[in-house]
């Protein structure tokens, strides 16, 4: 009777989900208004051809289907682990830009595949030409 029962280990506090929702809303508006050609996907596997990590937000080129930007939302205790995850995925999948957002401290960390960590404007997303912190209304 319970043969199809799936046990899921989800640790997604409401604030975490609210931030993802706000980013998706704002980034979708940019896409629909023609301000970017990157479509935002929430909590989607980076590689559809095999089981792969799911990112909180991915910005995908609508024409090439390639991920251009990744965003992870975390809390202070998870920053180090998520930064390591982000950098590894950026290298493995040749993703140009990545962000980790610590929602407890309100700190954005921005990474560039070729230049490493940014020191200024750490929430400015070059691939869409917008500041991600401004989307968190």
Protein backbone atom coordinates (compact mmCIF):
# COMPACT_ATOMS: atom_id res chain seq x y z
CA UNK A 1 0.00 0.00 0.00
CA UNK A 2 2.86 2.39 0.73
CA UNK A 3 5.12 1.08 -2.02
CA UNK A 4 5.35 4.53 -3.59
CA UNK A 5 6.15 6.34 -0.34
CA UNK A 6 9.01 8.78 -0.76
CA UNK A 7 10.86 10.13 2.24
CA UNK A 8 12.27 13.57 1.58
CA UNK A 9 14.87 15.30 3.71
CA UNK A 10 14.05 18.95 3.17
CA UNK A 11 15.49 21.76 5.21
CA UNK A 12 13.92 24.83 3.70
CA UNK A 13 12.78 27.38 6.27
CA UNK A 14 10.07 29.80 5.18
CA UNK A 15 12.49 32.74 4.98
CA UNK A 16 14.70 30.67 2.64
CA UNK A 17 11.73 29.90 0.39
CA UNK A 18 10.51 33.52 0.54
CA UNK A 19 13.87 34.79 -0.71
CA UNK A 20 13.86 32.29 -3.59
CA UNK A 21 10.31 33.39 -4.47
CA UNK A 22 11.26 37.07 -4.50
CA UNK A 23 14.30 36.42 -6.69
CA UNK A 24 12.29 34.30 -9.13
CA UNK A 25 9.56 36.95 -9.28
CA UNK A 26 11.99 39.80 -9.96
CA UNK A 27 14.14 37.86 -12.41
CA UNK A 28 11.07 36.59 -14.28
CA UNK A 29 9.86 40.17 -14.67
CA UNK A 30 13.24 41.14 -16.14
CA UNK A 31 12.94 38.22 -18.58
CA UNK A 32 9.35 38.99 -19.58
CA UNK A 33 10.16 42.68 -20.07
CA UNK A 34 13.02 41.78 -22.43
CA UNK A 35 15.70 43.07 -20.06
CA UNK A 36 17.50 39.72 -20.02
CA UNK A 37 17.55 36.58 -22.15
CA UNK A 38 18.16 34.43 -19.06
CA UNK A 39 15.19 32.55 -17.62
CA UNK A 40 15.15 31.89 -13.85
CA UNK A 41 14.49 28.38 -12.56
CA UNK A 42 13.89 27.61 -8.88
CA UNK A 43 15.41 24.54 -7.23
CA UNK A 44 16.28 22.77 -10.49
CA UNK A 45 19.01 20.23 -11.26
CA UNK A 46 21.91 21.77 -13.13
CA UNK A 47 22.34 18.72 -15.40
CA UNK A 48 19.11 17.23 -16.72
CA UNK A 49 20.92 14.28 -18.31
CA UNK A 50 21.77 12.76 -14.91
CA UNK A 51 21.05 13.13 -11.22
CA UNK A 52 22.83 16.32 -10.25
CA UNK A 53 22.72 19.00 -7.56
CA UNK A 54 19.68 21.25 -7.49
CA UNK A 55 20.41 24.93 -7.03
CA UNK A 56 18.12 27.41 -5.32
CA UNK A 57 18.02 29.61 -8.43
CA UNK A 58 19.57 29.11 -11.87
CA UNK A 59 19.63 31.64 -14.68
CA UNK A 60 19.56 29.74 -17.96
CA UNK A 61 20.10 31.07 -21.46
CA UNK A 62 16.77 30.50 -23.22
CA UNK A 63 18.48 29.89 -26.58
CA UNK A 64 21.38 27.62 -25.60
CA UNK A 65 19.85 26.00 -22.48
CA UNK A 66 23.13 26.62 -20.64
CA UNK A 67 23.27 27.82 -17.05
CA UNK A 68 24.93 31.25 -16.87
CA UNK A 69 24.39 32.14 -13.19
CA UNK A 70 23.73 30.16 -10.00
CA UNK A 71 22.33 31.47 -6.71
CA UNK A 72 22.35 29.67 -3.37
CA UNK A 73 20.44 30.98 -0.34
CA UNK A 74 21.82 29.99 3.06
CA UNK A 75 22.23 30.98 6.68
CA UNK A 76 25.44 31.99 8.41
CA UNK A 77 26.41 28.45 9.45
CA UNK A 78 26.01 27.17 5.87
CA UNK A 79 27.99 29.87 4.04
CA UNK A 80 31.34 28.04 3.91
CA UNK A 81 29.81 24.77 2.67
CA UNK A 82 27.64 26.53 0.07
CA UNK A 83 30.59 28.58 -1.21
CA UNK A 84 32.59 25.37 -1.70
CA UNK A 85 29.60 23.76 -3.45
CA UNK A 86 29.13 26.83 -5.65
CA UNK A 87 32.76 27.03 -6.74
CA UNK A 88 32.87 23.31 -7.54
CA UNK A 89 29.69 23.47 -9.63
CA UNK A 90 30.89 26.58 -11.45
CA UNK A 91 34.06 24.74 -12.47
CA UNK A 92 32.31 21.45 -13.29
CA UNK A 93 29.58 23.05 -15.44
CA UNK A 94 31.47 26.09 -16.75
CA UNK A 95 29.08 28.60 -15.14
CA UNK A 96 30.38 32.17 -15.36
CA UNK A 97 28.77 33.69 -12.28
CA UNK A 98 27.62 32.47 -8.87
CA UNK A 99 26.15 33.95 -5.70
CA UNK A 100 25.72 32.82 -2.12
CA UNK A 101 23.36 34.88 0.04
CA UNK A 102 23.51 34.72 3.85
CA UNK A 103 19.98 35.76 4.75
CA UNK A 104 20.68 36.01 8.47
CA UNK A 105 23.40 38.64 8.01
CA UNK A 106 22.14 40.07 4.70
CA UNK A 107 25.52 39.45 3.03
CA UNK A 108 25.95 38.58 -0.66
CA UNK A 109 29.01 36.72 -1.92
CA UNK A 110 29.65 36.92 -5.66
CA UNK A 111 31.97 34.66 -7.62
CA UNK A 112 33.26 34.87 -11.16
CA UNK A 113 34.60 31.76 -12.88
CA UNK A 114 37.72 33.55 -14.11
CA UNK A 115 38.22 36.31 -11.52
CA UNK A 116 37.20 34.57 -8.28
CA UNK A 117 35.42 36.39 -5.45
CA UNK A 118 34.26 39.97 -5.93
CA UNK A 119 35.05 42.54 -3.28
CA UNK A 120 32.63 45.29 -4.34
CA UNK A 121 29.01 45.17 -5.47
CA UNK A 122 28.80 41.55 -4.38
CA UNK A 123 25.07 41.39 -5.19
CA UNK A 124 25.33 42.88 -8.68
CA UNK A 125 24.56 40.21 -11.29
CA UNK A 126 26.43 41.02 -14.49
CA UNK A 127 24.59 38.41 -16.54
CA UNK A 128 21.24 40.20 -16.09
CA UNK A 129 22.54 43.70 -15.38
CA UNK A 130 20.69 44.01 -12.08
CA UNK A 131 21.45 44.14 -8.39
CA UNK A 132 19.94 41.05 -6.77
CA UNK A 133 19.51 42.76 -3.40
CA UNK A 134 17.08 45.17 -5.07
CA UNK A 135 14.83 42.20 -5.94
CA UNK A 136 14.38 41.35 -2.26
CA UNK A 137 11.56 43.87 -1.76
